[in-house]
């Protein structure tokens, strides 16, 4: 999957949502072992920027174990 062009994170989020929906519906893909997303952050004018955390340290990678699971999910309620 590739999303081309400079756009806001909200626009990228929507494009990814639509592409995943298409993959699920048109290609019958229901599961995946994971996904890797690479972004190329800019300042909105096309200039590259380096993301930083709240302490000003450079951030190169963010890991996730998936969406938030509620207690109901854990206890199968």
C-alpha atoms as a PDB file:
ATOM      1  CA  UNK A   1       0.000   0.000   0.000  1.00  0.00           C
ATOM      2  CA  UNK A   2       1.328   3.422  -0.889  1.00  0.00           C
ATOM      3  CA  UNK A   3      -0.232   6.796  -0.223  1.00  0.00           C
ATOM      4  CA  UNK A   4       1.457   9.439  -2.360  1.00  0.00           C
ATOM      5  CA  UNK A   5       1.685  13.178  -1.894  1.00  0.00           C
ATOM      6  CA  UNK A   6       1.991  15.480   1.073  1.00  0.00           C
ATOM      7  CA  UNK A   7      -1.101  15.503   3.279  1.00  0.00           C
ATOM      8  CA  UNK A   8      -2.131  15.817   6.883  1.00  0.00           C
ATOM      9  CA  UNK A   9      -2.015  12.832   9.229  1.00  0.00           C
ATOM     10  CA  UNK A  10      -5.840  12.899   9.291  1.00  0.00           C
ATOM     11  CA  UNK A  11      -5.909  12.578   5.498  1.00  0.00           C
ATOM     12  CA  UNK A  12      -3.386   9.725   5.582  1.00  0.00           C
ATOM     13  CA  UNK A  13      -5.444   8.013   8.296  1.00  0.00           C
ATOM     14  CA  UNK A  14      -8.550   8.231   6.105  1.00  0.00           C
ATOM     15  CA  UNK A  15      -6.683   6.987   3.018  1.00  0.00           C
ATOM     16  CA  UNK A  16      -5.326   3.995   4.961  1.00  0.00           C
ATOM     17  CA  UNK A  17      -8.770   3.229   6.358  1.00  0.00           C
ATOM     18  CA  UNK A  18     -10.240   3.253   2.851  1.00  0.00           C
ATOM     19  CA  UNK A  19      -7.435   1.099   1.444  1.00  0.00           C
ATOM     20  CA  UNK A  20      -7.769  -1.466   4.248  1.00  0.00           C
ATOM     21  CA  UNK A  21     -11.530  -1.548   3.702  1.00  0.00           C
ATOM     22  CA  UNK A  22     -10.928  -2.202  -0.005  1.00  0.00           C
ATOM     23  CA  UNK A  23      -8.425  -4.978   0.744  1.00  0.00           C
ATOM     24  CA  UNK A  24     -10.890  -6.593   3.127  1.00  0.00           C
ATOM     25  CA  UNK A  25     -13.884  -6.361   0.784  1.00  0.00           C
ATOM     26  CA  UNK A  26     -12.389  -6.755  -2.684  1.00  0.00           C
ATOM     27  CA  UNK A  27      -9.622  -9.248  -1.900  1.00  0.00           C
ATOM     28  CA  UNK A  28     -11.193 -11.169   1.026  1.00  0.00           C
ATOM     29  CA  UNK A  29      -8.232 -10.524   3.330  1.00  0.00           C
ATOM     30  CA  UNK A  30      -9.455 -10.794   6.929  1.00  0.00           C
ATOM     31  CA  UNK A  31      -6.253 -11.218   8.975  1.00  0.00           C
ATOM     32  CA  UNK A  32      -2.619 -10.142   8.931  1.00  0.00           C
ATOM     33  CA  UNK A  33       0.406 -10.960  11.073  1.00  0.00           C
ATOM     34  CA  UNK A  34       1.050  -7.268  11.520  1.00  0.00           C
ATOM     35  CA  UNK A  35       1.872  -4.206   9.502  1.00  0.00           C
ATOM     36  CA  UNK A  36       4.698  -1.732   9.117  1.00  0.00           C
ATOM     37  CA  UNK A  37       3.992   1.913   8.384  1.00  0.00           C
ATOM     38  CA  UNK A  38       6.738   4.276   7.302  1.00  0.00           C
ATOM     39  CA  UNK A  39       5.957   7.982   7.263  1.00  0.00           C
ATOM     40  CA  UNK A  40       8.007  10.862   5.899  1.00  0.00           C
ATOM     41  CA  UNK A  41       7.213  13.775   8.248  1.00  0.00           C
ATOM     42  CA  UNK A  42       7.194  17.296   6.810  1.00  0.00           C
ATOM     43  CA  UNK A  43       6.427  20.762   8.088  1.00  0.00           C
ATOM     44  CA  UNK A  44       3.534  21.249   5.654  1.00  0.00           C
ATOM     45  CA  UNK A  45       5.744  23.075   3.157  1.00  0.00           C
ATOM     46  CA  UNK A  46       7.536  19.967   1.896  1.00  0.00           C
ATOM     47  CA  UNK A  47      10.573  20.324   4.178  1.00  0.00           C
ATOM     48  CA  UNK A  48      11.574  17.159   6.064  1.00  0.00           C
ATOM     49  CA  UNK A  49      11.395  17.287   9.856  1.00  0.00           C
ATOM     50  CA  UNK A  50      12.595  14.951  12.603  1.00  0.00           C
ATOM     51  CA  UNK A  51       9.887  13.914  15.130  1.00  0.00           C
ATOM     52  CA  UNK A  52      10.696  14.496  18.805  1.00  0.00           C
ATOM     53  CA  UNK A  53       9.090  13.403  22.051  1.00  0.00           C
ATOM     54  CA  UNK A  54       7.952  15.746  24.832  1.00  0.00           C
ATOM     55  CA  UNK A  55      11.548  15.865  26.149  1.00  0.00           C
ATOM     56  CA  UNK A  56      12.930  17.005  22.794  1.00  0.00           C
ATOM     57  CA  UNK A  57      14.595  13.675  22.026  1.00  0.00           C
ATOM     58  CA  UNK A  58      14.496  12.357  18.481  1.00  0.00           C
ATOM     59  CA  UNK A  59      12.009   9.529  17.818  1.00  0.00           C
ATOM     60  CA  UNK A  60      12.916   6.982  15.137  1.00  0.00           C
ATOM     61  CA  UNK A  61      10.509   4.140  15.918  1.00  0.00           C
ATOM     62  CA  UNK A  62       7.198   3.559  17.701  1.00  0.00           C
ATOM     63  CA  UNK A  63       5.971   0.040  18.512  1.00  0.00           C
ATOM     64  CA  UNK A  64       2.420  -1.105  19.221  1.00  0.00           C
ATOM     65  CA  UNK A  65       0.880  -4.357  20.417  1.00  0.00           C
ATOM     66  CA  UNK A  66      -2.428  -3.543  18.737  1.00  0.00           C
ATOM     67  CA  UNK A  67      -5.580  -1.703  19.737  1.00  0.00           C
ATOM     68  CA  UNK A  68      -6.697  -1.105  23.314  1.00  0.00           C
ATOM     69  CA  UNK A  69      -8.412  -4.148  24.779  1.00  0.00           C
ATOM     70  CA  UNK A  70     -11.195  -3.556  27.273  1.00  0.00           C
ATOM     71  CA  UNK A  71     -11.802  -5.668  30.356  1.00  0.00           C
ATOM     72  CA  UNK A  72     -14.858  -7.092  28.564  1.00  0.00           C
ATOM     73  CA  UNK A  73     -12.556  -8.440  25.849  1.00  0.00           C
ATOM     74  CA  UNK A  74     -10.247 -10.038  28.417  1.00  0.00           C
ATOM     75  CA  UNK A  75     -13.115 -11.683  30.325  1.00  0.00           C
ATOM     76  CA  UNK A  76     -15.090 -12.508  27.156  1.00  0.00           C
ATOM     77  CA  UNK A  77     -18.140 -10.521  28.297  1.00  0.00           C
END
